Protein backbone atom coordinates (compact mmCIF):
# COMPACT_ATOMS: atom_id res chain seq x y z
CA MET A 1 15.97 177.95 128.70
CA VAL A 2 12.34 178.90 129.21
CA PRO A 3 11.49 182.56 128.52
CA ALA A 4 11.09 184.77 131.58
CA ARG A 5 7.63 185.02 133.10
CA ARG A 6 6.17 187.91 135.02
CA GLY A 7 6.51 187.51 138.76
CA SER A 8 7.10 184.00 139.98
CA ASP A 9 4.35 182.11 138.16
CA PRO A 10 5.06 178.38 138.15
CA PRO A 11 4.99 176.37 134.93
CA PRO A 12 1.41 175.56 133.83
CA THR A 13 1.41 172.01 135.21
CA ASP A 14 1.13 170.38 138.63
CA ARG A 15 4.24 170.19 140.79
CA LEU A 16 5.49 166.63 141.26
CA VAL A 17 8.36 167.20 143.66
CA THR A 18 10.12 169.95 145.56
CA TYR A 19 13.64 169.01 146.56
CA SER A 20 15.50 171.10 149.14
CA ILE A 21 19.12 171.59 148.19
CA ASP A 22 21.65 170.73 150.88
CA ARG A 23 24.37 173.28 151.46
CA ASP A 24 27.05 170.81 150.33
CA GLU A 25 25.28 169.70 147.13
CA THR A 26 25.98 170.97 143.66
CA ALA A 27 23.10 172.03 141.43
CA VAL A 28 23.64 168.93 139.30
CA GLU A 29 23.49 166.63 142.34
CA ALA A 30 20.29 168.35 143.48
CA VAL A 31 18.57 168.05 140.09
CA THR A 32 19.57 164.38 139.89
CA ALA A 33 18.24 163.77 143.41
CA ALA A 34 14.95 165.52 142.57
CA PHE A 35 14.42 163.21 139.59
CA ASP A 36 15.47 160.22 141.72
CA ALA A 37 12.69 161.23 144.14
CA LEU A 38 10.27 160.72 141.23
CA GLU A 39 11.55 157.14 141.02
CA THR A 40 13.16 158.00 137.72
CA ASP A 41 16.58 156.43 137.30
CA VAL A 42 18.32 159.22 135.43
CA ARG A 43 21.39 157.05 134.90
CA GLU A 44 19.41 154.74 132.62
CA ARG A 45 17.93 157.48 130.39
CA GLU A 46 18.88 157.68 126.72
CA THR A 47 19.90 161.30 127.24
CA THR A 48 21.96 162.74 130.05
CA LEU A 49 21.35 165.83 132.12
CA TYR A 50 24.15 167.48 130.13
CA ASP A 51 22.07 166.99 126.96
CA HIS A 52 19.52 169.39 128.50
CA VAL A 53 21.75 171.93 130.25
CA ALA A 54 25.43 172.82 130.49
CA THR A 55 25.97 171.19 133.86
CA ASP A 56 29.36 172.78 134.56
CA ALA A 57 27.94 176.24 133.92
CA MET A 58 24.89 175.50 136.09
CA ASP A 59 27.10 174.36 138.99
CA GLU A 60 29.33 177.44 138.65
CA LEU A 61 26.34 179.78 138.53
CA PHE A 62 24.84 178.35 141.70
CA ALA A 63 28.19 178.12 143.48
CA ALA A 64 28.50 181.91 143.13
CA GLU A 65 25.88 182.27 145.90
CA MET A 66 23.89 184.93 144.13
CA PRO A 67 20.14 185.13 143.70
CA VAL A 68 19.28 183.19 140.58
CA ARG A 69 16.26 181.34 139.23
CA LEU A 70 16.44 179.04 136.22
CA GLU A 71 13.37 177.72 134.42
CA LEU A 72 14.20 174.95 132.01
CA SER A 73 12.91 171.72 130.57
CA ILE A 74 14.66 168.49 131.55
CA TRP A 75 13.41 165.18 130.17
CA HIS A 76 10.28 167.11 129.05
CA HIS A 77 9.52 168.17 132.63
CA PRO A 78 9.40 171.89 133.43
CA VAL A 79 11.98 172.50 136.18
CA VAL A 80 12.50 175.56 138.35
CA LEU A 81 15.88 175.73 140.05
CA THR A 82 16.83 178.22 142.75
CA PRO A 83 19.75 178.10 145.21
CA GLU A 84 17.37 176.58 147.79
CA THR A 85 15.14 174.19 145.81
CA VAL A 86 14.55 172.15 142.70
CA ARG A 87 10.91 171.97 141.65
CA VAL A 88 9.92 169.41 139.03
CA TYR A 89 6.51 169.67 137.34
CA GLU A 90 4.39 167.25 135.31
CA VAL A 91 5.13 166.92 131.62
CA PRO A 92 2.74 169.33 129.88
CA ASP A 93 0.09 167.98 127.53
CA GLU A 94 1.09 168.51 123.95
């Protein structure tokens, strides 16, 4: 998980997609849909979403309907996940 930042500063790259989470979607479904919106077939990746985050724990955390914000890296992309949206940013220059 990415260390906490002051305020709500976005990751230091351009945002590629903002995906609005449907009330009936799990966090995992929403993250997968956000990457699908980038025309990235996550099902054909060498690593799975679970390789980047404990998907069961993420779904349980967001199902609790409490204010939460996760900043993490998935397939090298900075991702910000809230109960309302998934924001995927460009891969940072290394």
